Amino acid sequence: MIALALVVGGLTGYYLGIRAGLIAAAVSAVALAVSMVVPGAAITVYALLSVWCLGVWLVKGKLAALVQPKQPEKSGWEREVDKWKQRASWLWKARK
């Protein structure tokens, strides 16, 4: 029971951050503890936790973009400066 809660929390924490991982671990531990008392709830809890882990694993690349706040859009000259910085850094690295 505790091992499954730690796996769910670890997987969630790896892809979504420590806070989300701790929350997922706590919720899954409580759900697993309740499923030990309520008859017939264990299958449902195990199915929900496995669907959660599978969902986090399948959409792991998209989740990071959803969780992080979006950066404000840069104006035209700021974009140009960033492009030139990238080009200059590429040339500097290629020179070595």
PDB file of N, CA and C in Angstrom:
ATOM      1  N   MET A   1       0.826  -1.184   0.000  1.00  0.00           N
ATOM      2  CA  MET A   1       0.000   0.000   0.000  1.00  0.00           C
ATOM      3  C   MET A   1       0.873   1.251   0.000  1.00  0.00           C
ATOM      4  N   ILE A   2       1.810   1.321   0.903  1.00  0.00           N
ATOM      5  CA  ILE A   2       2.685   2.491   0.979  1.00  0.00           C
ATOM      6  C   ILE A   2       3.579   2.562  -0.250  1.00  0.00           C
ATOM      7  N   ALA A   3       4.012   1.414  -0.744  1.00  0.00           N
ATOM      8  CA  ALA A   3       4.893   1.394  -1.912  1.00  0.00           C
ATOM      9  C   ALA A   3       4.169   1.955  -3.133  1.00  0.00           C
ATOM     10  N   LEU A   4       2.910   1.596  -3.325  1.00  0.00           N
ATOM     11  CA  LEU A   4       2.157   2.115  -4.459  1.00  0.00           C
ATOM     12  C   LEU A   4       1.953   3.620  -4.330  1.00  0.00           C
ATOM     13  N   ALA A   5       1.669   4.102  -3.133  1.00  0.00           N
ATOM     14  CA  ALA A   5       1.516   5.544  -2.925  1.00  0.00           C
ATOM     15  C   ALA A   5       2.822   6.269  -3.214  1.00  0.00           C
ATOM     16  N   LEU A   6       3.945   5.667  -2.840  1.00  0.00           N
ATOM     17  CA  LEU A   6       5.239   6.293  -3.128  1.00  0.00           C
ATOM     18  C   LEU A   6       5.557   6.285  -4.616  1.00  0.00           C
ATOM     19  N   VAL A   7       5.175   5.225  -5.308  1.00  0.00           N
ATOM     20  CA  VAL A   7       5.394   5.169  -6.758  1.00  0.00           C
ATOM     21  C   VAL A   7       4.558   6.232  -7.458  1.00  0.00           C
ATOM     22  N   VAL A   8       3.301   6.350  -7.075  1.00  0.00           N
ATOM     23  CA  VAL A   8       2.424   7.366  -7.675  1.00  0.00           C
ATOM     24  C   VAL A   8       2.972   8.767  -7.385  1.00  0.00           C
ATOM     25  N   GLY A   9       3.382   8.998  -6.144  1.00  0.00           N
ATOM     26  CA  GLY A   9       3.934  10.308  -5.788  1.00  0.00           C
ATOM     27  C   GLY A   9       5.247  10.590  -6.485  1.00  0.00           C
ATOM     28  N   GLY A  10       6.090   9.579  -6.603  1.00  0.00           N
ATOM     29  CA  GLY A  10       7.374   9.770  -7.277  1.00  0.00           C
ATOM     30  C   GLY A  10       7.217  10.052  -8.759  1.00  0.00           C
ATOM     31  N   LEU A  11       6.349   9.309  -9.411  1.00  0.00           N
ATOM     32  CA  LEU A  11       6.110   9.523 -10.839  1.00  0.00           C
ATOM     33  C   LEU A  11       5.496  10.891 -11.093  1.00  0.00           C
ATOM     34  N   THR A  12       4.531  11.255 -10.289  1.00  0.00           N
ATOM     35  CA  THR A  12       3.901  12.564 -10.431  1.00  0.00           C
ATOM     36  C   THR A  12       4.887  13.669 -10.092  1.00  0.00           C
ATOM     37  N   GLY A  13       5.674  13.462  -9.055  1.00  0.00           N
ATOM     38  CA  GLY A  13       6.659  14.476  -8.671  1.00  0.00           C
ATOM     39  C   GLY A  13       7.740  14.671  -9.708  1.00  0.00           C
ATOM     40  N   TYR A  14       8.110  13.609 -10.391  1.00  0.00           N
ATOM     41  CA  TYR A  14       9.143  13.712 -11.413  1.00  0.00           C
ATOM     42  C   TYR A  14       8.683  14.550 -12.604  1.00  0.00           C
ATOM     43  N   TYR A  15       7.431  14.362 -13.003  1.00  0.00           N
ATOM     44  CA  TYR A  15       6.936  15.055 -14.183  1.00  0.00           C
ATOM     45  C   TYR A  15       6.222  16.364 -13.885  1.00  0.00           C
ATOM     46  N   LEU A  16       5.621  16.507 -12.708  1.00  0.00           N
ATOM     47  CA  LEU A  16       4.838  17.707 -12.416  1.00  0.00           C
ATOM     48  C   LEU A  16       5.416  18.580 -11.316  1.00  0.00           C
ATOM     49  N   GLY A  17       6.421  18.109 -10.609  1.00  0.00           N
ATOM     50  CA  GLY A  17       7.007  18.901  -9.536  1.00  0.00           C
ATOM     51  C   GLY A  17       6.784  18.259  -8.179  1.00  0.00           C
ATOM     52  N   ILE A  18       7.580  18.714  -7.231  1.00  0.00           N
ATOM     53  CA  ILE A  18       7.566  18.123  -5.894  1.00  0.00           C
ATOM     54  C   ILE A  18       6.220  18.308  -5.200  1.00  0.00           C
ATOM     55  N   ARG A  19       5.656  19.478  -5.290  1.00  0.00           N
ATOM     56  CA  ARG A  19       4.400  19.745  -4.584  1.00  0.00           C
ATOM     57  C   ARG A  19       3.282  18.843  -5.104  1.00  0.00           C
ATOM     58  N   ALA A  20       3.165  18.732  -6.409  1.00  0.00           N
ATOM     59  CA  ALA A  20       2.136  17.871  -6.986  1.00  0.00           C
ATOM     60  C   ALA A  20       2.395  16.403  -6.630  1.00  0.00           C
ATOM     61  N   GLY A  21       3.668  16.007  -6.567  1.00  0.00           N
ATOM     62  CA  GLY A  21       4.001  14.642  -6.196  1.00  0.00           C
ATOM     63  C   GLY A  21       3.620  14.325  -4.764  1.00  0.00           C
ATOM     64  N   LEU A  22       3.871  15.273  -3.862  1.00  0.00           N
ATOM     65  CA  LEU A  22       3.488  15.064  -2.466  1.00  0.00           C
ATOM     66  C   LEU A  22       1.976  14.975  -2.304  1.00  0.00           C
ATOM     67  N   ILE A  23       1.267  15.820  -3.031  1.00  0.00           N
ATOM     68  CA  ILE A  23      -0.198  15.782  -2.964  1.00  0.00           C
ATOM     69  C   ILE A  23      -0.716  14.466  -3.519  1.00  0.00           C
ATOM     70  N   ALA A  24      -0.158  14.024  -4.651  1.00  0.00           N
ATOM     71  CA  ALA A  24      -0.602  12.755  -5.248  1.00  0.00           C
ATOM     72  C   ALA A  24      -0.296  11.577  -4.332  1.00  0.00           C
ATOM     73  N   ALA A  25       0.858  11.599  -3.670  1.00  0.00           N
ATOM     74  CA  ALA A  25       1.211  10.521  -2.752  1.00  0.00           C
ATOM     75  C   ALA A  25       0.268  10.494  -1.551  1.00  0.00           C
ATOM     76  N   ALA A  26      -0.053  11.659  -1.020  1.00  0.00           N
ATOM     77  CA  ALA A  26      -0.950  11.721   0.137  1.00  0.00           C
ATOM     78  C   ALA A  26      -2.360  11.262  -0.236  1.00  0.00           C
ATOM     79  N   VAL A  27      -2.850  11.723  -1.370  1.00  0.00           N
ATOM     80  CA  VAL A  27      -4.207  11.343  -1.797  1.00  0.00           C
ATOM     81  C   VAL A  27      -4.271   9.850  -2.084  1.00  0.00           C
ATOM     82  N   SER A  28      -3.245   9.327  -2.732  1.00  0.00           N
ATOM     83  CA  SER A  28      -3.270   7.895  -3.029  1.00  0.00           C
ATOM     84  C   SER A  28      -3.133   7.062  -1.753  1.00  0.00           C
ATOM     85  N   ALA A  29      -2.358   7.520  -0.787  1.00  0.00           N
ATOM     86  CA  ALA A  29      -2.242   6.787   0.478  1.00  0.00           C
ATOM     87  C   ALA A  29      -3.572   6.766   1.226  1.00  0.00           C
ATOM     88  N   VAL A  30      -4.265   7.890   1.235  1.00  0.00           N
ATOM     89  CA  VAL A  30      -5.575   7.940   1.895  1.00  0.00           C
ATOM     90  C   VAL A  30      -6.573   7.053   1.158  1.00  0.00           C
ATOM     91  N   ALA A  31      -6.547   7.110  -0.172  1.00  0.00           N
ATOM     92  CA  ALA A  31      -7.469   6.274  -0.949  1.00  0.00           C
ATOM     93  C   ALA A  31      -7.181   4.793  -0.729  1.00  0.00           C
ATOM     94  N   LEU A  32      -5.926   4.421  -0.642  1.00  0.00           N
ATOM     95  CA  LEU A  32      -5.580   3.020  -0.402  1.00  0.00           C
ATOM     96  C   LEU A  32      -5.972   2.586   1.007  1.00  0.00           C
ATOM     97  N   ALA A  33      -5.835   3.490   1.983  1.00  0.00           N
ATOM     98  CA  ALA A  33      -6.241   3.155   3.346  1.00  0.00           C
ATOM     99  C   ALA A  33      -7.754   2.974   3.435  1.00  0.00           C
ATOM    100  N   VAL A  34      -8.496   3.824   2.726  1.00  0.00           N
ATOM    101  CA  VAL A  34      -9.956   3.704   2.723  1.00  0.00           C
ATOM    102  C   VAL A  34     -10.375   2.418   2.006  1.00  0.00           C
ATOM    103  N   SER A  35      -9.639   2.068   0.942  1.00  0.00           N
ATOM    104  CA  SER A  35     -10.007   0.863   0.188  1.00  0.00           C
ATOM    105  C   SER A  35      -9.783  -0.413   1.001  1.00  0.00           C
ATOM    106  N   MET A  36      -8.939  -0.353   2.020  1.00  0.00           N
ATOM    107  CA  MET A  36      -8.754  -1.524   2.886  1.00  0.00           C
ATOM    108  C   MET A  36      -9.956  -1.736   3.795  1.00  0.00           C
ATOM    109  N   VAL A  37     -10.681  -0.655   4.095  1.00  0.00           N
ATOM    110  CA  VAL A  37     -11.821  -0.739   5.012  1.00  0.00           C
ATOM    111  C   VAL A  37     -13.123  -0.979   4.253  1.00  0.00           C
ATOM    112  N   VAL A  38     -13.302  -0.279   3.141  1.00  0.00           N
ATOM    113  CA  VAL A  38     -14.546  -0.382   2.368  1.00  0.00           C
ATOM    114  C   VAL A  38     -14.465  -1.598   1.449  1.00  0.00           C
ATOM    115  N   PRO A  39     -15.407  -2.525   1.578  1.00  0.00           N
ATOM    116  CA  PRO A  39     -15.346  -3.715   0.721  1.00  0.00           C
ATOM    117  C   PRO A  39     -15.673  -3.368  -0.738  1.00  0.00           C
ATOM    118  N   GLY A  40     -14.885  -3.918  -1.638  1.00  0.00           N
ATOM    119  CA  GLY A  40     -15.115  -3.710  -3.063  1.00  0.00           C
ATOM    120  C   GLY A  40     -14.504  -2.444  -3.638  1.00  0.00           C
ATOM    121  N   ALA A  41     -13.912  -1.624  -2.814  1.00  0.00           N
ATOM    122  CA  ALA A  41     -13.342  -0.361  -3.302  1.00  0.00           C
ATOM    123  C   ALA A  41     -11.894  -0.517  -3.756  1.00  0.00           C
ATOM    124  N   ALA A  42     -11.273  -1.617  -3.401  1.00  0.00           N
ATOM    125  CA  ALA A  42      -9.854  -1.795  -3.722  1.00  0.00           C
ATOM    126  C   ALA A  42      -9.615  -1.844  -5.226  1.00  0.00           C
ATOM    127  N   ILE A  43     -10.449  -2.567  -5.951  1.00  0.00           N
ATOM    128  CA  ILE A  43     -10.287  -2.674  -7.401  1.00  0.00           C
ATOM    129  C   ILE A  43     -10.427  -1.305  -8.052  1.00  0.00           C
ATOM    130  N   THR A  44     -11.397  -0.526  -7.594  1.00  0.00           N
ATOM    131  CA  THR A  44     -11.615   0.808  -8.154  1.00  0.00           C
ATOM    132  C   THR A  44     -10.430   1.721  -7.882  1.00  0.00           C
ATOM    133  N   VAL A  45      -9.906   1.685  -6.669  1.00  0.00           N
ATOM    134  CA  VAL A  45      -8.776   2.538  -6.314  1.00  0.00           C
ATOM    135  C   VAL A  45      -7.533   2.131  -7.096  1.00  0.00           C
ATOM    136  N   TYR A  46      -7.272   0.843  -7.201  1.00  0.00           N
ATOM    137  CA  TYR A  46      -6.116   0.384  -7.979  1.00  0.00           C
ATOM    138  C   TYR A  46      -6.255   0.771  -9.449  1.00  0.00           C
ATOM    139  N   ALA A  47      -7.462   0.665  -9.983  1.00  0.00           N
ATOM    140  CA  ALA A  47      -7.690   1.038 -11.388  1.00  0.00           C
ATOM    141  C   ALA A  47      -7.475   2.537 -11.591  1.00  0.00           C
ATOM    142  N   LEU A  48      -7.988   3.353 -10.673  1.00  0.00           N
ATOM    143  CA  LEU A  48      -7.807   4.800 -10.794  1.00  0.00           C
ATOM    144  C   LEU A  48      -6.338   5.201 -10.680  1.00  0.00           C
ATOM    145  N   LEU A  49      -5.616   4.583  -9.761  1.00  0.00           N
ATOM    146  CA  LEU A  49      -4.200   4.906  -9.611  1.00  0.00           C
ATOM    147  C   LEU A  49      -3.388   4.456 -10.820  1.00  0.00           C
ATOM    148  N   SER A  50      -3.732   3.315 -11.382  1.00  0.00           N
ATOM    149  CA  SER A  50      -3.000   2.860 -12.566  1.00  0.00           C
ATOM    150  C   SER A  50      -3.324   3.733 -13.777  1.00  0.00           C
ATOM    151  N   VAL A  51      -4.564   4.183 -13.908  1.00  0.00           N
ATOM    152  CA  VAL A  51      -4.922   5.099 -14.994  1.00  0.00           C
ATOM    153  C   VAL A  51      -4.202   6.432 -14.816  1.00  0.00           C
ATOM    154  N   TRP A  52      -4.101   6.915 -13.572  1.00  0.00           N
ATOM    155  CA  TRP A  52      -3.380   8.160 -13.304  1.00  0.00           C
ATOM    156  C   TRP A  52      -1.907   8.034 -13.703  1.00  0.00           C
ATOM    157  N   CYS A  53      -1.260   6.956 -13.280  1.00  0.00           N
ATOM    158  CA  CYS A  53       0.157   6.757 -13.611  1.00  0.00           C
ATOM    159  C   CYS A  53       0.359   6.614 -15.115  1.00  0.00           C
ATOM    160  N   LEU A  54      -0.509   5.878 -15.763  1.00  0.00           N
ATOM    161  CA  LEU A  54      -0.408   5.709 -17.206  1.00  0.00           C
ATOM    162  C   LEU A  54      -0.632   7.043 -17.924  1.00  0.00           C
ATOM    163  N   GLY A  55      -1.590   7.814 -17.457  1.00  0.00           N
ATOM    164  CA  GLY A  55      -1.846   9.128 -18.057  1.00  0.00           C
ATOM    165  C   GLY A  55      -0.686  10.078 -17.882  1.00  0.00           C
ATOM    166  N   VAL A  56      -0.095  10.099 -16.708  1.00  0.00           N
ATOM    167  CA  VAL A  56       1.069  10.964 -16.476  1.00  0.00           C
ATOM    168  C   VAL A  56       2.229  10.529 -17.354  1.00  0.00           C
ATOM    169  N   TRP A  57       2.419   9.236 -17.491  1.00  0.00           N
ATOM    170  CA  TRP A  57       3.533   8.748 -18.295  1.00  0.00           C
ATOM    171  C   TRP A  57       3.325   9.014 -19.784  1.00  0.00           C
ATOM    172  N   LEU A  58       2.095   8.882 -20.261  1.00  0.00           N
ATOM    173  CA  LEU A  58       1.827   9.064 -21.685  1.00  0.00           C
ATOM    174  C   LEU A  58       1.895  10.515 -22.134  1.00  0.00           C
ATOM    175  N   VAL A  59       1.439  11.440 -21.311  1.00  0.00           N
ATOM    176  CA  VAL A  59       1.431  12.851 -21.707  1.00  0.00           C
ATOM    177  C   VAL A  59       2.476  13.650 -20.941  1.00  0.00           C
ATOM    178  N   LYS A  60       3.586  13.020 -20.600  1.00  0.00           N
ATOM    179  CA  LYS A  60       4.613  13.652 -19.786  1.00  0.00           C
ATOM    180  C   LYS A  60       5.213  14.885 -20.454  1.00  0.00           C
ATOM    181  N   GLY A  61       5.352  14.901 -21.749  1.00  0.00           N
ATOM    182  CA  GLY A  61       5.934  16.052 -22.432  1.00  0.00           C
ATOM    183  C   GLY A  61       5.015  17.255 -22.431  1.00  0.00           C
ATOM    184  N   LYS A  62       3.734  17.026 -22.486  1.00  0.00           N
ATOM    185  CA  LYS A  62       2.771  18.114 -22.532  1.00  0.00           C
ATOM    186  C   LYS A  62       2.462  18.671 -21.153  1.00  0.00           C
ATOM    187  N   LEU A  63       2.662  17.879 -20.118  1.00  0.00           N
ATOM    188  CA  LEU A  63       2.310  18.326 -18.771  1.00  0.00           C
ATOM    189  C   LEU A  63       3.207  19.443 -18.275  1.00  0.00           C
ATOM    190  N   ALA A  64       4.466  19.399 -18.605  1.00  0.00           N
ATOM    191  CA  ALA A  64       5.388  20.442 -18.143  1.00  0.00           C
ATOM    192  C   ALA A  64       4.989  21.802 -18.697  1.00  0.00           C
ATOM    193  N   ALA A  65       4.538  21.842 -19.927  1.00  0.00           N
ATOM    194  CA  ALA A  65       4.111  23.105 -20.522  1.00  0.00           C
ATOM    195  C   ALA A  65       2.814  23.601 -19.895  1.00  0.00           C
ATOM    196  N   LEU A  66       1.959  22.678 -19.459  1.00  0.00           N
ATOM    197  CA  LEU A  66       0.707  23.091 -18.840  1.00  0.00           C
ATOM    198  C   LEU A  66       0.907  23.621 -17.430  1.00  0.00           C
ATOM    199  N   VAL A  67       1.862  23.079 -16.721  1.00  0.00           N
ATOM    200  CA  VAL A  67       2.076  23.467 -15.328  1.00  0.00           C
ATOM    201  C   VAL A  67       2.840  24.774 -15.218  1.00  0.00           C
ATOM    202  N   GLN A  68       3.837  24.983 -16.067  1.00  0.00           N
ATOM    203  CA  GLN A  68       4.664  26.179 -15.985  1.00  0.00           C
ATOM    204  C   GLN A  68       3.893  27.392 -16.488  1.00  0.00           C
ATOM    205  N   PRO A  69       4.080  28.533 -15.831  1.00  0.00           N
ATOM    206  CA  PRO A  69       3.403  29.740 -16.311  1.00  0.00           C
ATOM    207  C   PRO A  69       3.998  30.184 -17.648  1.00  0.00           C
ATOM    208  N   LYS A  70       3.152  30.725 -18.490  1.00  0.00           N
ATOM    209  CA  LYS A  70       3.610  31.155 -19.802  1.00  0.00           C
ATOM    210  C   LYS A  70       4.349  32.482 -19.691  1.00  0.00           C
ATOM    211  N   GLN A  71       5.379  32.599 -20.498  1.00  0.00           N
ATOM    212  CA  GLN A  71       6.158  33.831 -20.532  1.00  0.00           C
ATOM    213  C   GLN A  71       5.412  34.858 -21.373  1.00  0.00           C
ATOM    214  N   PRO A  72       5.508  36.134 -21.013  1.00  0.00           N
ATOM    215  CA  PRO A  72       4.836  37.150 -21.819  1.00  0.00           C
ATOM    216  C   PRO A  72       5.463  37.229 -23.215  1.00  0.00           C
ATOM    217  N   GLU A  73       4.661  37.581 -24.175  1.00  0.00           N
ATOM    218  CA  GLU A  73       5.116  37.690 -25.558  1.00  0.00           C
ATOM    219  C   GLU A  73       6.081  38.863 -25.693  1.00  0.00           C
ATOM    220  N   LYS A  74       7.188  38.615 -26.368  1.00  0.00           N
ATOM    221  CA  LYS A  74       8.188  39.652 -26.553  1.00  0.00           C
ATOM    222  C   LYS A  74       7.846  40.501 -27.769  1.00  0.00           C
ATOM    223  N   SER A  75       8.273  41.755 -27.716  1.00  0.00           N
ATOM    224  CA  SER A  75       8.025  42.639 -28.847  1.00  0.00           C
ATOM    225  C   SER A  75       8.999  42.306 -29.971  1.00  0.00           C
ATOM    226  N   GLY A  76       8.874  42.978 -31.093  1.00  0.00           N
ATOM    227  CA  GLY A  76       9.655  42.668 -32.275  1.00  0.00           C
ATOM    228  C   GLY A  76      11.152  42.795 -32.083  1.00  0.00           C
ATOM    229  N   TRP A  77      11.600  43.891 -31.479  1.00  0.00           N
ATOM    230  CA  TRP A  77      13.038  44.088 -31.334  1.00  0.00           C
ATOM    231  C   TRP A  77      13.635  43.135 -30.309  1.00  0.00           C
ATOM    232  N   GLU A  78      12.857  42.747 -29.285  1.00  0.00           N
ATOM    233  CA  GLU A  78      13.368  41.793 -28.295  1.00  0.00           C
ATOM    234  C   GLU A  78      13.555  40.414 -28.904  1.00  0.00           C
ATOM    235  N   ARG A  79      12.638  40.025 -29.796  1.00  0.00           N
ATOM    236  CA  ARG A  79      12.790  38.752 -30.506  1.00  0.00           C
ATOM    237  C   ARG A  79      14.027  38.755 -31.385  1.00  0.00           C
ATOM    238  N   GLU A  80      14.268  39.877 -32.060  1.00  0.00           N
ATOM    239  CA  GLU A  80      15.448  39.983 -32.919  1.00  0.00           C
ATOM    240  C   GLU A  80      16.735  39.893 -32.107  1.00  0.00           C
ATOM    241  N   VAL A  81      16.760  40.541 -30.948  1.00  0.00           N
ATOM    242  CA  VAL A  81      17.946  40.480 -30.089  1.00  0.00           C
ATOM    243  C   VAL A  81      18.180  39.045 -29.630  1.00  0.00           C
ATOM    244  N   ASP A  82      17.109  38.342 -29.281  1.00  0.00           N
ATOM    245  CA  ASP A  82      17.254  36.945 -28.866  1.00  0.00           C
ATOM    246  C   ASP A  82      17.771  36.070 -30.003  1.00  0.00           C
ATOM    247  N   LYS A  83      17.295  36.308 -31.205  1.00  0.00           N
ATOM    248  CA  LYS A  83      17.790  35.547 -32.359  1.00  0.00           C
ATOM    249  C   LYS A  83      19.282  35.778 -32.555  1.00  0.00           C
ATOM    250  N   TRP A  84      19.699  37.035 -32.464  1.00  0.00           N
ATOM    251  CA  TRP A  84      21.121  37.343 -32.672  1.00  0.00           C
ATOM    252  C   TRP A  84      21.982  36.780 -31.545  1.00  0.00           C
ATOM    253  N   LYS A  85      21.436  36.744 -30.328  1.00  0.00           N
ATOM    254  CA  LYS A  85      22.169  36.128 -29.216  1.00  0.00           C
ATOM    255  C   LYS A  85      22.376  34.640 -29.471  1.00  0.00           C
ATOM    256  N   GLN A  86      21.336  33.970 -29.948  1.00  0.00           N
ATOM    257  CA  GLN A  86      21.451  32.540 -30.236  1.00  0.00           C
ATOM    258  C   GLN A  86      22.459  32.293 -31.346  1.00  0.00           C
ATOM    259  N   ARG A  87      22.433  33.130 -32.390  1.00  0.00           N
ATOM    260  CA  ARG A  87      23.373  32.962 -33.486  1.00  0.00           C
ATOM    261  C   ARG A  87      24.800  33.192 -33.015  1.00  0.00           C
ATOM    262  N   ALA A  88      24.994  34.227 -32.201  1.00  0.00           N
ATOM    263  CA  ALA A  88      26.336  34.524 -31.713  1.00  0.00           C
ATOM    264  C   ALA A  88      26.841  33.415 -30.792  1.00  0.00           C
ATOM    265  N   SER A  89      25.984  32.886 -29.951  1.00  0.00           N
ATOM    266  CA  SER A  89      26.427  31.817 -29.056  1.00  0.00           C
ATOM    267  C   SER A  89      26.731  30.551 -29.855  1.00  0.00           C
ATOM    268  N   TRP A  90      25.968  30.287 -30.911  1.00  0.00           N
ATOM    269  CA  TRP A  90      26.247  29.129 -31.743  1.00  0.00           C
ATOM    270  C   TRP A  90      27.605  29.287 -32.436  1.00  0.00           C
ATOM    271  N   LEU A  91      27.854  30.485 -32.962  1.00  0.00           N
ATOM    272  CA  LEU A  91      29.156  30.727 -33.617  1.00  0.00           C
ATOM    273  C   LEU A  91      30.298  30.599 -32.617  1.00  0.00           C
ATOM    274  N   TRP A  92      30.123  31.108 -31.423  1.00  0.00           N
ATOM    275  CA  TRP A  92      31.172  31.052 -30.404  1.00  0.00           C
ATOM    276  C   TRP A  92      31.464  29.597 -30.025  1.00  0.00           C
ATOM    277  N   LYS A  93      30.410  28.783 -29.865  1.00  0.00           N
ATOM    278  CA  LYS A  93      30.593  27.373 -29.509  1.00  0.00           C
ATOM    279  C   LYS A  93      31.186  26.589 -30.677  1.00  0.00           C
ATOM    280  N   ALA A  94      30.806  26.921 -31.884  1.00  0.00           N
ATOM    281  CA  ALA A  94      31.310  26.207 -33.058  1.00  0.00           C
ATOM    282  C   ALA A  94      32.783  26.501 -33.308  1.00  0.00           C
ATOM    283  N   ARG A  95      33.236  27.649 -32.849  1.00  0.00           N
ATOM    284  CA  ARG A  95      34.616  28.057 -33.052  1.00  0.00           C
ATOM    285  C   ARG A  95      35.589  27.211 -32.251  1.00  0.00           C
ATOM    286  N   LYS A  96      35.126  26.682 -31.125  1.00  0.00           N
ATOM    287  CA  LYS A  96      36.012  25.917 -30.237  1.00  0.00           C
ATOM    288  C   LYS A  96      36.263  24.579 -30.741  1.00  0.00           C
TER     289      LYS A  96
END
